[in-house]
PDB file of all heavy atoms in Angstrom:
ATOM      1  N   LEU A   1      86.829  80.637 109.888  1.00  0.00           N
ATOM      2  CA  LEU A   1      85.883  80.985 110.901  1.00  0.00           C
ATOM      3  C   LEU A   1      86.433  81.961 111.893  1.00  0.00           C
ATOM      4  O   LEU A   1      85.730  82.918 112.312  1.00  0.00           O
ATOM      5  CB  LEU A   1      85.440  79.691 111.665  1.00  0.00           C
ATOM      6  CG  LEU A   1      84.485  78.734 110.944  1.00  0.00           C
ATOM      7  CD1 LEU A   1      84.326  77.453 111.765  1.00  0.00           C
ATOM      8  CD2 LEU A   1      83.164  79.433 110.677  1.00  0.00           C
ATOM      9  N   LEU A   2      87.657  81.825 112.256  1.00  0.00           N
ATOM     10  CA  LEU A   2      88.347  82.732 113.162  1.00  0.00           C
ATOM     11  C   LEU A   2      88.412  84.137 112.576  1.00  0.00           C
ATOM     12  O   LEU A   2      88.175  85.136 113.199  1.00  0.00           O
ATOM     13  CB  LEU A   2      89.773  82.216 113.549  1.00  0.00           C
ATOM     14  CG  LEU A   2      90.531  83.060 114.537  1.00  0.00           C
ATOM     15  CD1 LEU A   2      89.790  83.181 115.865  1.00  0.00           C
ATOM     16  CD2 LEU A   2      91.895  82.444 114.766  1.00  0.00           C
ATOM     17  N   ALA A   3      88.765  84.211 111.296  1.00  0.00           N
ATOM     18  CA  ALA A   3      88.886  85.513 110.572  1.00  0.00           C
ATOM     19  C   ALA A   3      87.526  86.185 110.580  1.00  0.00           C
ATOM     20  O   ALA A   3      87.432  87.412 110.773  1.00  0.00           O
ATOM     21  CB  ALA A   3      89.400  85.315 109.181  1.00  0.00           C
ATOM     22  N   VAL A   4      86.479  85.423 110.444  1.00  0.00           N
ATOM     23  CA  VAL A   4      85.113  86.039 110.364  1.00  0.00           C
ATOM     24  C   VAL A   4      84.738  86.511 111.829  1.00  0.00           C
ATOM     25  O   VAL A   4      84.183  87.565 111.999  1.00  0.00           O
ATOM     26  CB  VAL A   4      84.082  85.036 109.850  1.00  0.00           C
ATOM     27  CG1 VAL A   4      82.669  85.463 110.130  1.00  0.00           C
ATOM     28  CG2 VAL A   4      84.278  84.860 108.361  1.00  0.00           C
ATOM     29  N   GLU A   5      85.102  85.717 112.838  1.00  0.00           N
ATOM     30  CA  GLU A   5      84.879  86.143 114.204  1.00  0.00           C
ATOM     31  C   GLU A   5      85.589  87.413 114.578  1.00  0.00           C
ATOM     32  O   GLU A   5      85.037  88.266 115.228  1.00  0.00           O
ATOM     33  CB  GLU A   5      85.295  85.043 115.167  1.00  0.00           C
ATOM     34  CG  GLU A   5      84.296  83.898 115.288  1.00  0.00           C
ATOM     35  CD  GLU A   5      84.798  82.875 116.333  1.00  0.00           C
ATOM     36  OE1 GLU A   5      85.464  83.227 117.309  1.00  0.00           O
ATOM     37  OE2 GLU A   5      84.468  81.670 116.121  1.00  0.00           O
ATOM     38  N   ILE A   6      86.838  87.535 114.152  1.00  0.00           N
ATOM     39  CA  ILE A   6      87.623  88.716 114.410  1.00  0.00           C
ATOM     40  C   ILE A   6      87.057  89.925 113.739  1.00  0.00           C
ATOM     41  O   ILE A   6      87.125  91.031 114.229  1.00  0.00           O
ATOM     42  CB  ILE A   6      89.110  88.495 114.024  1.00  0.00           C
ATOM     43  CG1 ILE A   6      89.727  87.390 114.900  1.00  0.00           C
ATOM     44  CG2 ILE A   6      89.930  89.772 114.108  1.00  0.00           C
ATOM     45  CD1 ILE A   6      91.083  86.931 114.461  1.00  0.00           C
ATOM     46  N   ASN A   7      86.441  89.722 112.547  1.00  0.00           N
ATOM     47  CA  ASN A   7      85.795  90.765 111.773  1.00  0.00           C
ATOM     48  C   ASN A   7      86.771  91.901 111.443  1.00  0.00           C
ATOM     49  O   ASN A   7      86.459  93.086 111.614  1.00  0.00           O
ATOM     50  CB  ASN A   7      84.601  91.295 112.531  1.00  0.00           C
ATOM     51  CG  ASN A   7      83.638  92.063 111.641  1.00  0.00           C
ATOM     52  OD1 ASN A   7      83.756  92.041 110.416  1.00  0.00           O
ATOM     53  ND2 ASN A   7      82.749  92.851 112.285  1.00  0.00           N
ATOM     54  N   ASP A   8      87.908  91.551 110.940  1.00  0.00           N
ATOM     55  CA  ASP A   8      88.900  92.565 110.525  1.00  0.00           C
ATOM     56  C   ASP A   8      88.772  92.848 109.026  1.00  0.00           C
ATOM     57  O   ASP A   8      87.778  92.522 108.405  1.00  0.00           O
ATOM     58  CB  ASP A   8      90.303  92.180 110.954  1.00  0.00           C
ATOM     59  CG  ASP A   8      90.795  90.910 110.207  1.00  0.00           C
ATOM     60  OD1 ASP A   8      90.059  90.391 109.368  1.00  0.00           O
ATOM     61  OD2 ASP A   8      91.909  90.481 110.510  1.00  0.00           O
ATOM     62  N   GLU A   9      89.811  93.392 108.444  1.00  0.00           N
ATOM     63  CA  GLU A   9      89.762  93.774 107.014  1.00  0.00           C
ATOM     64  C   GLU A   9      89.705  92.561 106.089  1.00  0.00           C
ATOM     65  O   GLU A   9      89.387  92.710 104.923  1.00  0.00           O
ATOM     66  CB  GLU A   9      90.932  94.687 106.652  1.00  0.00           C
ATOM     67  CG  GLU A   9      92.325  94.027 106.664  1.00  0.00           C
ATOM     68  CD  GLU A   9      92.936  93.998 108.065  1.00  0.00           C
ATOM     69  OE1 GLU A   9      92.422  94.597 108.989  1.00  0.00           O
ATOM     70  OE2 GLU A   9      94.036  93.377 108.176  1.00  0.00           O
ATOM     71  N   THR A  10      89.993  91.393 106.589  1.00  0.00           N
ATOM     72  CA  THR A  10      89.904  90.178 105.750  1.00  0.00           C
ATOM     73  C   THR A  10      88.525  89.515 105.820  1.00  0.00           C
ATOM     74  O   THR A  10      88.312  88.494 105.217  1.00  0.00           O
ATOM     75  CB  THR A  10      90.986  89.137 106.185  1.00  0.00           C
ATOM     76  OG1 THR A  10      90.673  88.661 107.516  1.00  0.00           O
ATOM     77  CG2 THR A  10      92.371  89.698 106.124  1.00  0.00           C
ATOM     78  N   TYR A  11      87.621  90.160 106.553  1.00  0.00           N
ATOM     79  CA  TYR A  11      86.264  89.567 106.741  1.00  0.00           C
ATOM     80  C   TYR A  11      85.562  89.222 105.413  1.00  0.00           C
ATOM     81  O   TYR A  11      85.075  88.128 105.268  1.00  0.00           O
ATOM     82  CB  TYR A  11      85.374  90.506 107.571  1.00  0.00           C
ATOM     83  CG  TYR A  11      83.979  89.935 107.704  1.00  0.00           C
ATOM     84  CD1 TYR A  11      83.735  89.096 108.791  1.00  0.00           C
ATOM     85  CD2 TYR A  11      82.989  90.212 106.845  1.00  0.00           C
ATOM     86  CE1 TYR A  11      82.468  88.524 108.933  1.00  0.00           C
ATOM     87  CE2 TYR A  11      81.713  89.685 107.001  1.00  0.00           C
ATOM     88  CZ  TYR A  11      81.456  88.851 108.054  1.00  0.00           C
ATOM     89  OH  TYR A  11      80.235  88.285 108.211  1.00  0.00           O
ATOM     90  N   GLY A  12      85.564  90.125 104.463  1.00  0.00           N
ATOM     91  CA  GLY A  12      84.827  89.919 103.198  1.00  0.00           C
ATOM     92  C   GLY A  12      85.353  88.695 102.472  1.00  0.00           C
ATOM     93  O   GLY A  12      84.581  87.840 102.019  1.00  0.00           O
ATOM     94  N   GLU A  13      86.683  88.563 102.369  1.00  0.00           N
ATOM     95  CA  GLU A  13      87.266  87.394 101.678  1.00  0.00           C
ATOM     96  C   GLU A  13      87.027  86.103 102.467  1.00  0.00           C
ATOM     97  O   GLU A  13      86.679  85.117 101.869  1.00  0.00           O
ATOM     98  CB  GLU A  13      88.756  87.642 101.477  1.00  0.00           C
ATOM     99  CG  GLU A  13      89.412  86.519 100.708  1.00  0.00           C
ATOM    100  CD  GLU A  13      90.924  86.742 100.437  1.00  0.00           C
ATOM    101  OE1 GLU A  13      91.432  87.764 100.901  1.00  0.00           O
ATOM    102  OE2 GLU A  13      91.512  85.889  99.776  1.00  0.00           O
ATOM    103  N   ALA A  14      87.183  86.179 103.736  1.00  0.00           N
ATOM    104  CA  ALA A  14      86.989  84.973 104.589  1.00  0.00           C
ATOM    105  C   ALA A  14      85.534  84.484 104.489  1.00  0.00           C
ATOM    106  O   ALA A  14      85.302  83.295 104.347  1.00  0.00           O
ATOM    107  CB  ALA A  14      87.379  85.253 106.032  1.00  0.00           C
ATOM    108  N   ALA A  15      84.609  85.437 104.569  1.00  0.00           N
ATOM    109  CA  ALA A  15      83.191  85.057 104.489  1.00  0.00           C
ATOM    110  C   ALA A  15      82.880  84.450 103.147  1.00  0.00           C
ATOM    111  O   ALA A  15      82.139  83.443 103.008  1.00  0.00           O
ATOM    112  CB  ALA A  15      82.283  86.254 104.759  1.00  0.00           C
ATOM    113  N   TYR A  16      83.472  84.988 102.071  1.00  0.00           N
ATOM    114  CA  TYR A  16      83.248  84.460 100.741  1.00  0.00           C
ATOM    115  C   TYR A  16      83.771  83.011 100.649  1.00  0.00           C
ATOM    116  O   TYR A  16      83.095  82.115 100.178  1.00  0.00           O
ATOM    117  CB  TYR A  16      83.941  85.336  99.684  1.00  0.00           C
ATOM    118  CG  TYR A  16      83.822  84.742  98.307  1.00  0.00           C
ATOM    119  CD1 TYR A  16      82.703  84.929  97.537  1.00  0.00           C
ATOM    120  CD2 TYR A  16      84.871  83.977  97.770  1.00  0.00           C
ATOM    121  CE1 TYR A  16      82.554  84.401  96.268  1.00  0.00           C
ATOM    122  CE2 TYR A  16      84.761  83.422  96.492  1.00  0.00           C
ATOM    123  CZ  TYR A  16      83.603  83.669  95.736  1.00  0.00           C
ATOM    124  OH  TYR A  16      83.509  83.133  94.490  1.00  0.00           O
ATOM    125  N   LYS A  17      84.965  82.807 101.201  1.00  0.00           N
ATOM    126  CA  LYS A  17      85.558  81.460 101.140  1.00  0.00           C
ATOM    127  C   LYS A  17      84.751  80.468 101.977  1.00  0.00           C
ATOM    128  O   LYS A  17      84.602  79.297 101.592  1.00  0.00           O
ATOM    129  CB  LYS A  17      87.000  81.488 101.610  1.00  0.00           C
ATOM    130  CG  LYS A  17      87.897  82.170 100.539  1.00  0.00           C
ATOM    131  CD  LYS A  17      89.356  82.225 100.959  1.00  0.00           C
ATOM    132  CE  LYS A  17      90.153  82.852  99.810  1.00  0.00           C
ATOM    133  NZ  LYS A  17      91.565  82.962 100.139  1.00  0.00           N
ATOM    134  N   LEU A  18      84.225  80.908 103.125  1.00  0.00           N
ATOM    135  CA  LEU A  18      83.354  80.071 103.918  1.00  0.00           C
ATOM    136  C   LEU A  18      82.087  79.683 103.096  1.00  0.00           C
ATOM    137  O   LEU A  18      81.600  78.567 103.175  1.00  0.00           O
ATOM    138  CB  LEU A  18      82.991  80.723 105.208  1.00  0.00           C
ATOM    139  CG  LEU A  18      84.085  80.776 106.271  1.00  0.00           C
ATOM    140  CD1 LEU A  18      83.663  81.624 107.454  1.00  0.00           C
ATOM    141  CD2 LEU A  18      84.389  79.357 106.754  1.00  0.00           C
ATOM    142  N   GLY A  19      81.588  80.633 102.338  1.00  0.00           N
ATOM    143  CA  GLY A  19      80.465  80.359 101.479  1.00  0.00           C
ATOM    144  C   GLY A  19      80.763  79.225 100.513  1.00  0.00           C
ATOM    145  O   GLY A  19      79.917  78.326 100.307  1.00  0.00           O
ATOM    146  N   THR A  20      81.938  79.283  99.936  1.00  0.00           N
ATOM    147  CA  THR A  20      82.317  78.218  98.974  1.00  0.00           C
ATOM    148  C   THR A  20      82.411  76.824  99.698  1.00  0.00           C
ATOM    149  O   THR A  20      82.014  75.804  99.110  1.00  0.00           O
ATOM    150  CB  THR A  20      83.620  78.485  98.228  1.00  0.00           C
ATOM    151  OG1 THR A  20      84.702  78.549  99.173  1.00  0.00           O
ATOM    152  CG2 THR A  20      83.526  79.816  97.442  1.00  0.00           C
ATOM    153  N   TYR A  21      82.931  76.826 100.915  1.00  0.00           N
ATOM    154  CA  TYR A  21      83.007  75.579 101.666  1.00  0.00           C
ATOM    155  C   TYR A  21      81.634  74.980 101.883  1.00  0.00           C
ATOM    156  O   TYR A  21      81.442  73.767 101.696  1.00  0.00           O
ATOM    157  CB  TYR A  21      83.645  75.821 103.066  1.00  0.00           C
ATOM    158  CG  TYR A  21      85.146  75.715 103.044  1.00  0.00           C
ATOM    159  CD1 TYR A  21      85.957  76.678 102.465  1.00  0.00           C
ATOM    160  CD2 TYR A  21      85.793  74.664 103.662  1.00  0.00           C
ATOM    161  CE1 TYR A  21      87.325  76.601 102.447  1.00  0.00           C
ATOM    162  CE2 TYR A  21      87.164  74.534 103.691  1.00  0.00           C
ATOM    163  CZ  TYR A  21      87.921  75.511 103.083  1.00  0.00           C
ATOM    164  OH  TYR A  21      89.303  75.405 103.081  1.00  0.00           O
ATOM    165  N   HIS A  22      80.675  75.842 102.181  1.00  0.00           N
ATOM    166  CA  HIS A  22      79.281  75.321 102.414  1.00  0.00           C
ATOM    167  C   HIS A  22      78.568  74.991 101.112  1.00  0.00           C
ATOM    168  O   HIS A  22      77.791  74.037 101.065  1.00  0.00           O
ATOM    169  CB  HIS A  22      78.507  76.334 103.251  1.00  0.00           C
ATOM    170  CG  HIS A  22      78.915  76.331 104.672  1.00  0.00           C
ATOM    171  ND1 HIS A  22      78.488  75.371 105.568  1.00  0.00           N
ATOM    172  CD2 HIS A  22      79.747  77.140 105.374  1.00  0.00           C
ATOM    173  CE1 HIS A  22      79.019  75.609 106.739  1.00  0.00           C
ATOM    174  NE2 HIS A  22      79.827  76.676 106.651  1.00  0.00           N
ATOM    175  N   GLU A  23      78.848  75.770 100.076  1.00  0.00           N
ATOM    176  CA  GLU A  23      78.191  75.517  98.776  1.00  0.00           C
ATOM    177  C   GLU A  23      78.622  74.174  98.179  1.00  0.00           C
ATOM    178  O   GLU A  23      77.811  73.428  97.673  1.00  0.00           O
ATOM    179  CB  GLU A  23      78.491  76.653  97.807  1.00  0.00           C
ATOM    180  CG  GLU A  23      77.821  76.449  96.475  1.00  0.00           C
ATOM    181  CD  GLU A  23      78.050  77.581  95.508  1.00  0.00           C
ATOM    182  OE1 GLU A  23      78.802  78.518  95.784  1.00  0.00           O
ATOM    183  OE2 GLU A  23      77.424  77.554  94.408  1.00  0.00           O
ATOM    184  N   TYR A  24      79.928  73.890  98.263  1.00  0.00           N
ATOM    185  CA  TYR A  24      80.462  72.695  97.641  1.00  0.00           C
ATOM    186  C   TYR A  24      80.760  71.515  98.574  1.00  0.00           C
ATOM    187  O   TYR A  24      81.119  70.472  98.157  1.00  0.00           O
ATOM    188  CB  TYR A  24      81.747  73.067  96.846  1.00  0.00           C
ATOM    189  CG  TYR A  24      81.460  74.068  95.760  1.00  0.00           C
ATOM    190  CD1 TYR A  24      81.870  75.390  95.911  1.00  0.00           C
ATOM    191  CD2 TYR A  24      80.773  73.760  94.628  1.00  0.00           C
ATOM    192  CE1 TYR A  24      81.620  76.338  94.934  1.00  0.00           C
ATOM    193  CE2 TYR A  24      80.498  74.665  93.650  1.00  0.00           C
ATOM    194  CZ  TYR A  24      80.938  75.959  93.798  1.00  0.00           C
ATOM    195  OH  TYR A  24      80.645  76.930  92.819  1.00  0.00           O
ATOM    196  N   GLY A  25      80.559  71.750  99.887  1.00  0.00           N
ATOM    197  CA  GLY A  25      80.796  70.677 100.835  1.00  0.00           C
ATOM    198  C   GLY A  25      82.256  70.354 101.080  1.00  0.00           C
ATOM    199  O   GLY A  25      82.612  69.226 101.350  1.00  0.00           O
ATOM    200  N   HIS A  26      83.116  71.372 100.993  1.00  0.00           N
ATOM    201  CA  HIS A  26      84.539  71.137 101.274  1.00  0.00           C
ATOM    202  C   HIS A  26      84.753  70.852 102.740  1.00  0.00           C
ATOM    203  O   HIS A  26      83.910  71.142 103.591  1.00  0.00           O
ATOM    204  CB  HIS A  26      85.343  72.378 100.891  1.00  0.00           C
ATOM    205  CG  HIS A  26      85.375  72.716  99.428  1.00  0.00           C
ATOM    206  ND1 HIS A  26      85.555  71.787  98.454  1.00  0.00           N
ATOM    207  CD2 HIS A  26      85.180  73.904  98.793  1.00  0.00           C
ATOM    208  CE1 HIS A  26      85.520  72.355  97.266  1.00  0.00           C
ATOM    209  NE2 HIS A  26      85.260  73.653  97.457  1.00  0.00           N
TER     210      HIS A  26
END
């Protein structure tokens, strides 16, 4: 969440991983 808030070069990967957390309920 912090990486997405910062919106740096890792944003795409962080957002993807957050998607998996929500999709699978991690």
